[in-house]
Amino acid sequence: MLTDTDERPEHDHGSERYSRDGYLCPIAVLSSEETSATQQAVDAHLKRFPGKLGKAYIHKPHLFARWADELVHHPKILDAVQTVIGPDILCWTANLLVKPEKNPAYVSWHQDAAYWGLDPLEVVTAWVALSPSTPESGCVRVLPGSHRAEVAPHEDTFDKDNMLTRGQAIAVDIDESQVVDLVLAPGEISLHHIGLAHASNPNHSDAPRIGLAIRYISARVEKQGRRESAMIVRGKDGGHFELERRPDRNAPLAGRLAHNRAVRAQIANNYSSESHNSLGQRLRLAISHRVSVTALDLVYAKLKRSGQLQQ
């Protein structure tokens, strides 16, 4: 958290409010032209990588897709992020989140700090709306101030309609009277703390709810488990991650290959079992990990072969 006002960007988006509540919303960042261009690029992305093939490409798309790279480096987004985690910023990951229309998919109440293995908790999600994000379409919902308490116990449900990797859910009751809906128009963002309890309901609207969740970390943050990669987007690096490169328009294959290896490394940590997992859950996580890694390795080999043929 910044304490020196001289280091803050020109526009302070409410660091004191963020410290108290754990979120900021809404923040306007994209112009109408930028929003329209990004929406068109995302539509093309989803058509290019449909179905099961597309699952790998919703993670870290900024490593090969220019539209995502431009969002991750957008000055207005980084200005807002800097007010809450400081001037030295890395993008740890980003996730393209598509919640289909009239679909039971939801996100259970959870805290990212319970599973991500990042410390210190100088981690913020910038949720970029690329379609209207409303209560009807299943917008993000938060419990203000919950980031200031200890991380609550969680349980893995593996519910088929839960969009989270293992269906993780807070194992305590949530006071719905205190919950706030983070309503966003396309081109706006919300920021929420890694420790903030949040969730989202199914999309009951007639159109998909689409957003890019960018996970930013300060350069002081370290990752538990296997070493992962991240991209420096502002300021100085802290030396705790392998550094990723921005995609090169002239070498799209290199970006695809780098993306594949980065996602593979992250999956190893995502599917690691916890002490509270039963034997059956540990087996399920191990199988999911192996299937995902094998699929990525097959794609990697195919991409390598195509590159060799083009040389």
C-alpha atoms as a PDB file:
ATOM      1  CA  MET A   1       0.000   0.000   0.000  1.00  0.00           C
ATOM      2  CA  LEU A   2       1.363   3.427  -0.942  1.00  0.00           C
ATOM      3  CA  THR A   3       2.034   5.911   1.823  1.00  0.00           C
ATOM      4  CA  ASP A   4       4.008   8.497  -0.141  1.00  0.00           C
ATOM      5  CA  THR A   5       1.576  10.647  -2.120  1.00  0.00           C
ATOM      6  CA  ASP A   6       4.416  11.837  -4.314  1.00  0.00           C
ATOM      7  CA  GLU A   7       4.668   8.331  -5.794  1.00  0.00           C
ATOM      8  CA  ARG A   8       1.001   8.102  -6.663  1.00  0.00           C
ATOM      9  CA  PRO A   9      -0.331   8.535 -10.192  1.00  0.00           C
ATOM     10  CA  GLU A  10      -2.082  11.799 -10.959  1.00  0.00           C
ATOM     11  CA  HIS A  11      -5.513  10.216 -10.373  1.00  0.00           C
ATOM     12  CA  ASP A  12      -5.971   8.518  -6.984  1.00  0.00           C
ATOM     13  CA  HIS A  13      -8.851   6.045  -7.252  1.00  0.00           C
ATOM     14  CA  GLY A  14      -9.394   5.679  -3.516  1.00  0.00           C
ATOM     15  CA  SER A  15      -6.620   3.702  -1.792  1.00  0.00           C
ATOM     16  CA  GLU A  16      -8.096   4.453   1.639  1.00  0.00           C
ATOM     17  CA  ARG A  17     -11.479   3.108   0.565  1.00  0.00           C
ATOM     18  CA  TYR A  18      -9.766   0.055  -0.913  1.00  0.00           C
ATOM     19  CA  SER A  19      -7.951  -0.550   2.397  1.00  0.00           C
ATOM     20  CA  ARG A  20     -11.252  -0.369   4.272  1.00  0.00           C
ATOM     21  CA  ASP A  21     -13.600  -2.208   1.907  1.00  0.00           C
ATOM     22  CA  GLY A  22     -11.247  -4.383  -0.176  1.00  0.00           C
ATOM     23  CA  TYR A  23     -12.605  -3.216  -3.519  1.00  0.00           C
ATOM     24  CA  LEU A  24     -13.125  -0.234  -5.821  1.00  0.00           C
ATOM     25  CA  CYS A  25     -15.921  -0.036  -8.388  1.00  0.00           C
ATOM     26  CA  PRO A  26     -16.563   1.240 -10.981  1.00  0.00           C
ATOM     27  CA  ILE A  27     -13.464   2.777 -12.589  1.00  0.00           C
ATOM     28  CA  ALA A  28     -13.743   3.966 -16.197  1.00  0.00           C
ATOM     29  CA  VAL A  29     -10.667   2.976 -18.203  1.00  0.00           C
ATOM     30  CA  LEU A  30     -11.506   2.237 -21.851  1.00  0.00           C
ATOM     31  CA  SER A  31     -12.832   4.689 -24.402  1.00  0.00           C
ATOM     32  CA  SER A  32     -15.834   3.629 -26.478  1.00  0.00           C
ATOM     33  CA  GLU A  33     -13.487   2.995 -29.418  1.00  0.00           C
ATOM     34  CA  GLU A  34     -11.145   0.853 -27.297  1.00  0.00           C
ATOM     35  CA  THR A  35     -14.074  -1.079 -25.865  1.00  0.00           C
ATOM     36  CA  SER A  36     -15.552  -1.823 -29.294  1.00  0.00           C
ATOM     37  CA  ALA A  37     -12.196  -2.894 -30.746  1.00  0.00           C
ATOM     38  CA  THR A  38     -11.500  -5.173 -27.767  1.00  0.00           C
ATOM     39  CA  GLN A  39     -14.961  -6.739 -27.941  1.00  0.00           C
ATOM     40  CA  GLN A  40     -14.416  -7.559 -31.619  1.00  0.00           C
ATOM     41  CA  ALA A  41     -10.991  -9.044 -30.885  1.00  0.00           C
ATOM     42  CA  VAL A  42     -12.384 -11.178 -28.046  1.00  0.00           C
ATOM     43  CA  ASP A  43     -15.200 -12.415 -30.272  1.00  0.00           C
ATOM     44  CA  ALA A  44     -12.619 -13.496 -32.863  1.00  0.00           C
ATOM     45  CA  HIS A  45     -10.544 -15.133 -30.103  1.00  0.00           C
ATOM     46  CA  LEU A  46     -13.494 -17.204 -28.876  1.00  0.00           C
ATOM     47  CA  LYS A  47     -14.304 -18.320 -32.418  1.00  0.00           C
ATOM     48  CA  ARG A  48     -10.666 -19.266 -33.030  1.00  0.00           C
ATOM     49  CA  PHE A  49     -10.415 -21.334 -29.840  1.00  0.00           C
ATOM     50  CA  PRO A  50     -13.841 -22.935 -29.274  1.00  0.00           C
ATOM     51  CA  GLY A  51     -14.973 -25.672 -26.888  1.00  0.00           C
ATOM     52  CA  LYS A  52     -12.424 -27.739 -24.975  1.00  0.00           C
ATOM     53  CA  LEU A  53      -9.592 -26.387 -27.138  1.00  0.00           C
ATOM     54  CA  GLY A  54     -10.335 -22.922 -25.835  1.00  0.00           C
ATOM     55  CA  LYS A  55      -9.956 -23.816 -22.153  1.00  0.00           C
ATOM     56  CA  ALA A  56      -6.164 -23.457 -22.237  1.00  0.00           C
ATOM     57  CA  TYR A  57      -6.435 -20.155 -24.084  1.00  0.00           C
ATOM     58  CA  ILE A  58      -8.582 -18.412 -21.478  1.00  0.00           C
ATOM     59  CA  HIS A  59      -5.524 -18.404 -19.177  1.00  0.00           C
ATOM     60  CA  LYS A  60      -2.717 -15.886 -19.744  1.00  0.00           C
ATOM     61  CA  PRO A  61      -4.010 -14.795 -23.171  1.00  0.00           C
ATOM     62  CA  HIS A  62      -1.777 -11.700 -22.959  1.00  0.00           C
ATOM     63  CA  LEU A  63       1.211 -13.887 -23.816  1.00  0.00           C
ATOM     64  CA  PHE A  64       0.053 -14.354 -27.411  1.00  0.00           C
ATOM     65  CA  ALA A  65      -3.002 -12.134 -28.047  1.00  0.00           C
ATOM     66  CA  ARG A  66      -2.385  -8.449 -28.666  1.00  0.00           C
ATOM     67  CA  TRP A  67      -5.832  -7.377 -27.391  1.00  0.00           C
ATOM     68  CA  ALA A  68      -5.106  -8.965 -23.994  1.00  0.00           C
ATOM     69  CA  ASP A  69      -1.551  -7.622 -23.915  1.00  0.00           C
ATOM     70  CA  GLU A  70      -2.873  -4.105 -24.510  1.00  0.00           C
ATOM     71  CA  LEU A  71      -5.364  -4.447 -21.647  1.00  0.00           C
ATOM     72  CA  VAL A  72      -2.744  -5.797 -19.242  1.00  0.00           C
ATOM     73  CA  HIS A  73      -0.513  -2.783 -20.045  1.00  0.00           C
ATOM     74  CA  HIS A  74      -3.293  -0.177 -20.274  1.00  0.00           C
ATOM     75  CA  PRO A  75      -2.046   2.997 -18.500  1.00  0.00           C
ATOM     76  CA  LYS A  76      -5.379   3.771 -16.843  1.00  0.00           C
ATOM     77  CA  ILE A  77      -5.651   0.260 -15.420  1.00  0.00           C
ATOM     78  CA  LEU A  78      -2.073   0.385 -14.157  1.00  0.00           C
ATOM     79  CA  ASP A  79      -2.646   3.840 -12.624  1.00  0.00           C
ATOM     80  CA  ALA A  80      -5.551   2.431 -10.608  1.00  0.00           C
ATOM     81  CA  VAL A  81      -3.583  -0.664  -9.616  1.00  0.00           C
ATOM     82  CA  GLN A  82      -0.583   1.425  -8.556  1.00  0.00           C
ATOM     83  CA  THR A  83      -2.663   3.279  -5.990  1.00  0.00           C
ATOM     84  CA  VAL A  84      -3.311   0.039  -4.106  1.00  0.00           C
ATOM     85  CA  ILE A  85      -0.147  -2.091  -4.499  1.00  0.00           C
ATOM     86  CA  GLY A  86       2.579   0.417  -5.350  1.00  0.00           C
ATOM     87  CA  PRO A  87       4.660   1.358  -8.405  1.00  0.00           C
ATOM     88  CA  ASP A  88       6.446  -1.955  -9.069  1.00  0.00           C
ATOM     89  CA  ILE A  89       3.835  -4.159 -10.710  1.00  0.00           C
ATOM     90  CA  LEU A  90       3.808  -7.585 -12.370  1.00  0.00           C
ATOM     91  CA  CYS A  91       0.964  -9.374 -14.096  1.00  0.00           C
ATOM     92  CA  TRP A  92       0.935 -12.842 -12.558  1.00  0.00           C
ATOM     93  CA  THR A  93      -1.872 -14.140 -14.748  1.00  0.00           C
ATOM     94  CA  ALA A  94      -5.073 -13.150 -16.545  1.00  0.00           C
ATOM     95  CA  ASN A  95      -8.247 -15.130 -17.180  1.00  0.00           C
ATOM     96  CA  LEU A  96     -10.846 -14.597 -19.890  1.00  0.00           C
ATOM     97  CA  LEU A  97     -14.114 -15.314 -18.090  1.00  0.00           C
ATOM     98  CA  VAL A  98     -17.151 -16.148 -20.200  1.00  0.00           C
ATOM     99  CA  LYS A  99     -20.404 -16.949 -18.448  1.00  0.00           C
ATOM    100  CA  PRO A 100     -22.906 -18.206 -21.063  1.00  0.00           C
ATOM    101  CA  GLU A 101     -26.409 -16.807 -21.251  1.00  0.00           C
ATOM    102  CA  LYS A 102     -29.233 -18.728 -19.544  1.00  0.00           C
ATOM    103  CA  ASN A 103     -26.685 -21.067 -17.997  1.00  0.00           C
ATOM    104  CA  PRO A 104     -26.320 -22.530 -14.463  1.00  0.00           C
ATOM    105  CA  ALA A 105     -22.580 -21.756 -14.263  1.00  0.00           C
ATOM    106  CA  TYR A 106     -21.700 -19.814 -11.100  1.00  0.00           C
ATOM    107  CA  VAL A 107     -18.787 -19.009  -8.803  1.00  0.00           C
ATOM    108  CA  SER A 108     -19.081 -19.983  -5.132  1.00  0.00           C
ATOM    109  CA  TRP A 109     -18.109 -17.688  -2.255  1.00  0.00           C
ATOM    110  CA  HIS A 110     -14.348 -17.904  -1.856  1.00  0.00           C
ATOM    111  CA  GLN A 111     -11.150 -15.974  -1.101  1.00  0.00           C
ATOM    112  CA  ASP A 112      -8.316 -16.197  -3.605  1.00  0.00           C
ATOM    113  CA  ALA A 113      -5.789 -15.960  -0.760  1.00  0.00           C
ATOM    114  CA  ALA A 114      -6.856 -19.422   0.418  1.00  0.00           C
ATOM    115  CA  TYR A 115      -5.483 -21.124  -2.712  1.00  0.00           C
ATOM    116  CA  TRP A 116      -3.137 -18.932  -4.711  1.00  0.00           C
ATOM    117  CA  GLY A 117      -0.074 -19.305  -2.468  1.00  0.00           C
ATOM    118  CA  LEU A 118       1.066 -15.686  -2.906  1.00  0.00           C
ATOM    119  CA  ASP A 119       2.728 -13.732  -0.104  1.00  0.00           C
ATOM    120  CA  PRO A 120       2.615 -10.935   0.950  1.00  0.00           C
ATOM    121  CA  LEU A 121      -1.004 -10.281   0.005  1.00  0.00           C
ATOM    122  CA  GLU A 122      -0.160  -7.309  -2.228  1.00  0.00           C
ATOM    123  CA  VAL A 123      -2.303  -8.819  -4.958  1.00  0.00           C
ATOM    124  CA  VAL A 124      -5.269  -7.262  -6.729  1.00  0.00           C
ATOM    125  CA  THR A 125      -7.643  -8.430  -9.448  1.00  0.00           C
ATOM    126  CA  ALA A 126      -8.610  -5.883 -12.082  1.00  0.00           C
ATOM    127  CA  TRP A 127     -11.885  -7.195 -13.527  1.00  0.00           C
ATOM    128  CA  VAL A 128     -12.337  -5.644 -16.982  1.00  0.00           C
ATOM    129  CA  ALA A 129     -15.935  -5.728 -18.208  1.00  0.00           C
ATOM    130  CA  LEU A 130     -16.293  -6.476 -21.925  1.00  0.00           C
ATOM    131  CA  SER A 131     -20.074  -6.850 -21.708  1.00  0.00           C
ATOM    132  CA  PRO A 132     -22.624  -5.501 -19.218  1.00  0.00           C
ATOM    133  CA  SER A 133     -21.894  -7.072 -15.821  1.00  0.00           C
ATOM    134  CA  THR A 134     -25.092  -6.824 -13.792  1.00  0.00           C
ATOM    135  CA  PRO A 135     -26.967  -8.866 -11.171  1.00  0.00           C
ATOM    136  CA  GLU A 136     -29.007 -10.398 -13.997  1.00  0.00           C
ATOM    137  CA  SER A 137     -25.913 -11.436 -15.976  1.00  0.00           C
ATOM    138  CA  GLY A 138     -24.065 -12.745 -12.906  1.00  0.00           C
ATOM    139  CA  CYS A 139     -21.716  -9.924 -11.922  1.00  0.00           C
ATOM    140  CA  VAL A 140     -19.062 -10.256  -9.214  1.00  0.00           C
ATOM    141  CA  ARG A 141     -20.475  -9.930  -5.685  1.00  0.00           C
ATOM    142  CA  VAL A 142     -18.298  -9.041  -2.679  1.00  0.00           C
ATOM    143  CA  LEU A 143     -18.439  -8.950   1.108  1.00  0.00           C
ATOM    144  CA  PRO A 144     -16.902  -5.552   2.004  1.00  0.00           C
ATOM    145  CA  GLY A 145     -14.126  -5.630   4.596  1.00  0.00           C
ATOM    146  CA  SER A 146     -13.756  -9.416   4.582  1.00  0.00           C
ATOM    147  CA  HIS A 147     -10.128  -9.086   3.470  1.00  0.00           C
ATOM    148  CA  ARG A 148      -9.208  -7.596   6.850  1.00  0.00           C
ATOM    149  CA  ALA A 149     -10.057 -10.783   8.779  1.00  0.00           C
ATOM    150  CA  GLU A 150      -8.203 -14.096   8.772  1.00  0.00           C
ATOM    151  CA  VAL A 151      -8.696 -16.208   5.653  1.00  0.00           C
ATOM    152  CA  ALA A 152     -11.758 -18.381   6.288  1.00  0.00           C
ATOM    153  CA  PRO A 153     -11.696 -22.190   6.047  1.00  0.00           C
ATOM    154  CA  HIS A 154     -12.632 -23.506   2.594  1.00  0.00           C
ATOM    155  CA  GLU A 155     -13.842 -26.812   1.245  1.00  0.00           C
ATOM    156  CA  ASP A 156     -13.538 -28.279  -2.253  1.00  0.00           C
ATOM    157  CA  THR A 157     -16.952 -29.196  -3.654  1.00  0.00           C
ATOM    158  CA  PHE A 158     -16.080 -30.099  -7.274  1.00  0.00           C
ATOM    159  CA  ASP A 159     -19.603 -28.984  -8.241  1.00  0.00           C
ATOM    160  CA  LYS A 160     -19.960 -29.415 -12.018  1.00  0.00           C
ATOM    161  CA  ASP A 161     -21.577 -25.990 -12.425  1.00  0.00           C
ATOM    162  CA  ASN A 162     -18.941 -24.194 -10.353  1.00  0.00           C
ATOM    163  CA  MET A 163     -16.516 -22.282 -12.586  1.00  0.00           C
ATOM    164  CA  LEU A 164     -13.652 -22.599 -10.083  1.00  0.00           C
ATOM    165  CA  THR A 165     -10.967 -25.261 -10.601  1.00  0.00           C
ATOM    166  CA  ARG A 166     -12.031 -27.367  -7.639  1.00  0.00           C
ATOM    167  CA  GLY A 167     -15.301 -25.744  -6.712  1.00  0.00           C
ATOM    168  CA  GLN A 168     -13.703 -24.209  -3.637  1.00  0.00           C
ATOM    169  CA  ALA A 169     -16.150 -22.554  -1.271  1.00  0.00           C
ATOM    170  CA  ILE A 170     -15.969 -20.744   2.045  1.00  0.00           C
ATOM    171  CA  ALA A 171     -17.079 -23.112   4.795  1.00  0.00           C
ATOM    172  CA  VAL A 172     -18.825 -20.380   6.812  1.00  0.00           C
ATOM    173  CA  ASP A 173     -22.092 -18.505   6.312  1.00  0.00           C
ATOM    174  CA  ILE A 174     -22.105 -15.251   4.324  1.00  0.00           C
ATOM    175  CA  ASP A 175     -24.316 -12.403   5.532  1.00  0.00           C
ATOM    176  CA  GLU A 176     -26.197 -11.631   2.305  1.00  0.00           C
ATOM    177  CA  SER A 177     -27.490  -8.345   3.742  1.00  0.00           C
ATOM    178  CA  GLN A 178     -23.924  -7.001   3.600  1.00  0.00           C
ATOM    179  CA  VAL A 179     -23.134  -8.172   0.052  1.00  0.00           C
ATOM    180  CA  VAL A 180     -22.436  -5.635  -2.720  1.00  0.00           C
ATOM    181  CA  ASP A 181     -22.892  -6.267  -6.453  1.00  0.00           C
ATOM    182  CA  LEU A 182     -20.051  -4.877  -8.586  1.00  0.00           C
ATOM    183  CA  VAL A 183     -22.056  -3.554 -11.515  1.00  0.00           C
ATOM    184  CA  LEU A 184     -19.942  -2.614 -14.528  1.00  0.00           C
ATOM    185  CA  ALA A 185     -20.572  -1.253 -18.004  1.00  0.00           C
ATOM    186  CA  PRO A 186     -18.327  -2.407 -20.866  1.00  0.00           C
ATOM    187  CA  GLY A 187     -14.990  -0.593 -20.598  1.00  0.00           C
ATOM    188  CA  GLU A 188     -15.148  -0.210 -16.808  1.00  0.00           C
ATOM    189  CA  ILE A 189     -13.180  -2.164 -14.222  1.00  0.00           C
ATOM    190  CA  SER A 190     -13.414  -3.143 -10.588  1.00  0.00           C
ATOM    191  CA  LEU A 191     -10.492  -3.854  -8.294  1.00  0.00           C
ATOM    192  CA  HIS A 192     -10.673  -6.428  -5.510  1.00  0.00           C
ATOM    193  CA  HIS A 193      -8.178  -7.625  -2.915  1.00  0.00           C
ATOM    194  CA  ILE A 194      -6.887 -11.221  -2.898  1.00  0.00           C
ATOM    195  CA  GLY A 195      -8.408 -11.732   0.549  1.00  0.00           C
ATOM    196  CA  LEU A 196     -11.853 -10.333  -0.255  1.00  0.00           C
ATOM    197  CA  ALA A 197     -14.700 -12.868  -0.173  1.00  0.00           C
ATOM    198  CA  HIS A 198     -16.447 -12.812  -3.535  1.00  0.00           C
ATOM    199  CA  ALA A 199     -18.755 -14.882  -5.738  1.00  0.00           C
ATOM    200  CA  SER A 200     -21.091 -14.611  -8.722  1.00  0.00           C
ATOM    201  CA  ASN A 201     -24.498 -16.028  -9.586  1.00  0.00           C
ATOM    202  CA  PRO A 202     -25.594 -17.705 -12.850  1.00  0.00           C
ATOM    203  CA  ASN A 203     -26.195 -15.569 -15.919  1.00  0.00           C
ATOM    204  CA  HIS A 204     -29.955 -15.223 -16.424  1.00  0.00           C
ATOM    205  CA  SER A 205     -29.651 -12.644 -19.202  1.00  0.00           C
ATOM    206  CA  ASP A 206     -29.938 -13.210 -22.956  1.00  0.00           C
ATOM    207  CA  ALA A 207     -26.248 -12.560 -23.708  1.00  0.00           C
ATOM    208  CA  PRO A 208     -22.917 -13.930 -22.439  1.00  0.00           C
ATOM    209  CA  ARG A 209     -21.208 -12.098 -19.598  1.00  0.00           C
ATOM    210  CA  ILE A 210     -17.599 -11.549 -20.648  1.00  0.00           C
ATOM    211  CA  GLY A 211     -14.679 -10.077 -18.729  1.00  0.00           C
ATOM    212  CA  LEU A 212     -10.918 -10.294 -18.398  1.00  0.00           C
ATOM    213  CA  ALA A 213      -9.717 -10.800 -14.813  1.00  0.00           C
ATOM    214  CA  ILE A 214      -6.128  -9.531 -14.588  1.00  0.00           C
ATOM    215  CA  ARG A 215      -4.185 -10.606 -11.488  1.00  0.00           C
ATOM    216  CA  TYR A 216      -1.567  -8.010 -10.583  1.00  0.00           C
ATOM    217  CA  ILE A 217       1.068  -8.440  -7.877  1.00  0.00           C
ATOM    218  CA  SER A 218       3.637  -6.130  -6.335  1.00  0.00           C
ATOM    219  CA  ALA A 219       7.288  -6.930  -6.976  1.00  0.00           C
ATOM    220  CA  ARG A 220       7.602  -8.054  -3.332  1.00  0.00           C
ATOM    221  CA  VAL A 221       5.230 -10.980  -3.791  1.00  0.00           C
ATOM    222  CA  GLU A 222       6.571 -14.540  -3.860  1.00  0.00           C
ATOM    223  CA  LYS A 223       4.862 -17.774  -4.952  1.00  0.00           C
ATOM    224  CA  GLN A 224       4.728 -20.950  -2.884  1.00  0.00           C
ATOM    225  CA  GLY A 225       5.220 -24.236  -4.722  1.00  0.00           C
ATOM    226  CA  ARG A 226       6.823 -24.635  -8.127  1.00  0.00           C
ATOM    227  CA  ARG A 227       8.387 -21.509  -9.601  1.00  0.00           C
ATOM    228  CA  GLU A 228       6.068 -19.734 -12.035  1.00  0.00           C
ATOM    229  CA  SER A 229       6.365 -16.896 -14.515  1.00  0.00           C
ATOM    230  CA  ALA A 230       4.977 -13.358 -14.569  1.00  0.00           C
ATOM    231  CA  MET A 231       5.311 -10.219 -16.675  1.00  0.00           C
ATOM    232  CA  ILE A 232       6.708  -6.923 -15.442  1.00  0.00           C
ATOM    233  CA  VAL A 233       4.238  -4.226 -16.518  1.00  0.00           C
ATOM    234  CA  ARG A 234       5.415  -1.177 -14.552  1.00  0.00           C
ATOM    235  CA  GLY A 235       8.419  -0.294 -12.420  1.00  0.00           C
ATOM    236  CA  LYS A 236      11.059  -2.772 -11.238  1.00  0.00           C
ATOM    237  CA  ASP A 237      11.089  -6.564 -10.874  1.00  0.00           C
ATOM    238  CA  GLY A 238      11.574  -8.254  -7.506  1.00  0.00           C
ATOM    239  CA  GLY A 239      13.289 -11.381  -8.848  1.00  0.00           C
ATOM    240  CA  HIS A 240      10.716 -13.916  -7.609  1.00  0.00           C
ATOM    241  CA  PHE A 241       9.327 -15.075 -10.973  1.00  0.00           C
ATOM    242  CA  GLU A 242      10.606 -16.089 -14.368  1.00  0.00           C
ATOM    243  CA  LEU A 243       9.951 -13.053 -16.526  1.00  0.00           C
ATOM    244  CA  GLU A 244       7.585 -13.355 -19.487  1.00  0.00           C
ATOM    245  CA  ARG A 245       7.954 -11.421 -22.740  1.00  0.00           C
ATOM    246  CA  ARG A 246       5.296  -9.406 -24.521  1.00  0.00           C
ATOM    247  CA  PRO A 247       3.956 -11.031 -27.713  1.00  0.00           C
ATOM    248  CA  ASP A 248       5.702 -10.127 -30.969  1.00  0.00           C
ATOM    249  CA  ARG A 249       3.443  -9.499 -33.960  1.00  0.00           C
ATOM    250  CA  ASN A 250       6.235 -10.789 -36.172  1.00  0.00           C
ATOM    251  CA  ALA A 251       6.628 -14.066 -34.247  1.00  0.00           C
ATOM    252  CA  PRO A 252       3.132 -15.307 -33.284  1.00  0.00           C
ATOM    253  CA  LEU A 253       4.335 -18.909 -32.941  1.00  0.00           C
ATOM    254  CA  ALA A 254       6.864 -17.901 -30.272  1.00  0.00           C
ATOM    255  CA  GLY A 255       4.043 -16.349 -28.267  1.00  0.00           C
ATOM    256  CA  ARG A 256       1.925 -19.495 -28.521  1.00  0.00           C
ATOM    257  CA  LEU A 257       4.842 -21.660 -27.373  1.00  0.00           C
ATOM    258  CA  ALA A 258       5.666 -19.355 -24.442  1.00  0.00           C
ATOM    259  CA  HIS A 259       1.999 -19.273 -23.447  1.00  0.00           C
ATOM    260  CA  ASN A 260       1.802 -23.073 -23.486  1.00  0.00           C
ATOM    261  CA  ARG A 261       4.775 -23.503 -21.142  1.00  0.00           C
ATOM    262  CA  ALA A 262       3.620 -20.748 -18.770  1.00  0.00           C
ATOM    263  CA  VAL A 263       0.132 -22.246 -18.415  1.00  0.00           C
ATOM    264  CA  ARG A 264       1.641 -25.700 -17.915  1.00  0.00           C
ATOM    265  CA  ALA A 265       3.728 -24.446 -14.978  1.00  0.00           C
ATOM    266  CA  GLN A 266       0.731 -22.726 -13.395  1.00  0.00           C
ATOM    267  CA  ILE A 267      -1.486 -25.798 -13.725  1.00  0.00           C
ATOM    268  CA  ALA A 268       0.966 -27.810 -11.624  1.00  0.00           C
ATOM    269  CA  ASN A 269       0.232 -25.494  -8.701  1.00  0.00           C
ATOM    270  CA  ASN A 270      -3.493 -25.100  -9.439  1.00  0.00           C
ATOM    271  CA  TYR A 271      -4.108 -28.825  -9.114  1.00  0.00           C
ATOM    272  CA  SER A 272      -1.871 -29.460  -6.098  1.00  0.00           C
ATOM    273  CA  SER A 273      -3.730 -31.177  -3.272  1.00  0.00           C
ATOM    274  CA  GLU A 274      -4.245 -29.696   0.196  1.00  0.00           C
ATOM    275  CA  SER A 275      -4.052 -31.381   3.586  1.00  0.00           C
ATOM    276  CA  HIS A 276      -7.850 -31.320   3.936  1.00  0.00           C
ATOM    277  CA  ASN A 277      -8.445 -33.173   0.652  1.00  0.00           C
ATOM    278  CA  SER A 278      -9.695 -36.747   0.906  1.00  0.00           C
ATOM    279  CA  LEU A 279      -7.978 -39.596  -0.938  1.00  0.00           C
ATOM    280  CA  GLY A 280     -10.668 -39.447  -3.618  1.00  0.00           C
ATOM    281  CA  GLN A 281     -10.207 -35.699  -4.052  1.00  0.00           C
ATOM    282  CA  ARG A 282      -6.423 -36.070  -4.249  1.00  0.00           C
ATOM    283  CA  LEU A 283      -6.866 -38.680  -6.973  1.00  0.00           C
ATOM    284  CA  ARG A 284      -9.290 -36.439  -8.850  1.00  0.00           C
ATOM    285  CA  LEU A 285      -6.867 -33.511  -8.706  1.00  0.00           C
ATOM    286  CA  ALA A 286      -3.982 -35.710  -9.863  1.00  0.00           C
ATOM    287  CA  ILE A 287      -6.000 -36.988 -12.839  1.00  0.00           C
ATOM    288  CA  SER A 288      -7.135 -33.469 -13.781  1.00  0.00           C
ATOM    289  CA  HIS A 289      -3.534 -32.307 -13.598  1.00  0.00           C
ATOM    290  CA  ARG A 290      -2.267 -35.135 -15.774  1.00  0.00           C
ATOM    291  CA  VAL A 291      -5.006 -34.705 -18.392  1.00  0.00           C
ATOM    292  CA  SER A 292      -4.407 -30.943 -18.608  1.00  0.00           C
ATOM    293  CA  VAL A 293      -0.625 -31.265 -18.816  1.00  0.00           C
ATOM    294  CA  THR A 294      -0.826 -34.003 -21.447  1.00  0.00           C
ATOM    295  CA  ALA A 295      -3.179 -31.902 -23.591  1.00  0.00           C
ATOM    296  CA  LEU A 296      -0.812 -28.925 -23.345  1.00  0.00           C
ATOM    297  CA  ASP A 297       2.186 -31.092 -24.238  1.00  0.00           C
ATOM    298  CA  LEU A 298       0.409 -32.432 -27.322  1.00  0.00           C
ATOM    299  CA  VAL A 299      -0.415 -28.903 -28.468  1.00  0.00           C
ATOM    300  CA  TYR A 300       3.180 -27.831 -27.769  1.00  0.00           C
ATOM    301  CA  ALA A 301       4.569 -30.666 -29.876  1.00  0.00           C
ATOM    302  CA  LYS A 302       2.171 -29.811 -32.709  1.00  0.00           C
ATOM    303  CA  LEU A 303       3.162 -26.141 -32.593  1.00  0.00           C
ATOM    304  CA  LYS A 304       6.857 -27.058 -32.616  1.00  0.00           C
ATOM    305  CA  ARG A 305       6.365 -29.289 -35.654  1.00  0.00           C
ATOM    306  CA  SER A 306       4.480 -26.558 -37.517  1.00  0.00           C
ATOM    307  CA  GLY A 307       7.309 -24.130 -36.759  1.00  0.00           C
ATOM    308  CA  GLN A 308       9.914 -26.530 -38.064  1.00  0.00           C
ATOM    309  CA  LEU A 309       7.930 -27.055 -41.269  1.00  0.00           C
ATOM    310  CA  GLN A 310       7.802 -23.309 -41.856  1.00  0.00           C
ATOM    311  CA  GLN A 311      11.585 -22.916 -41.509  1.00  0.00           C
END
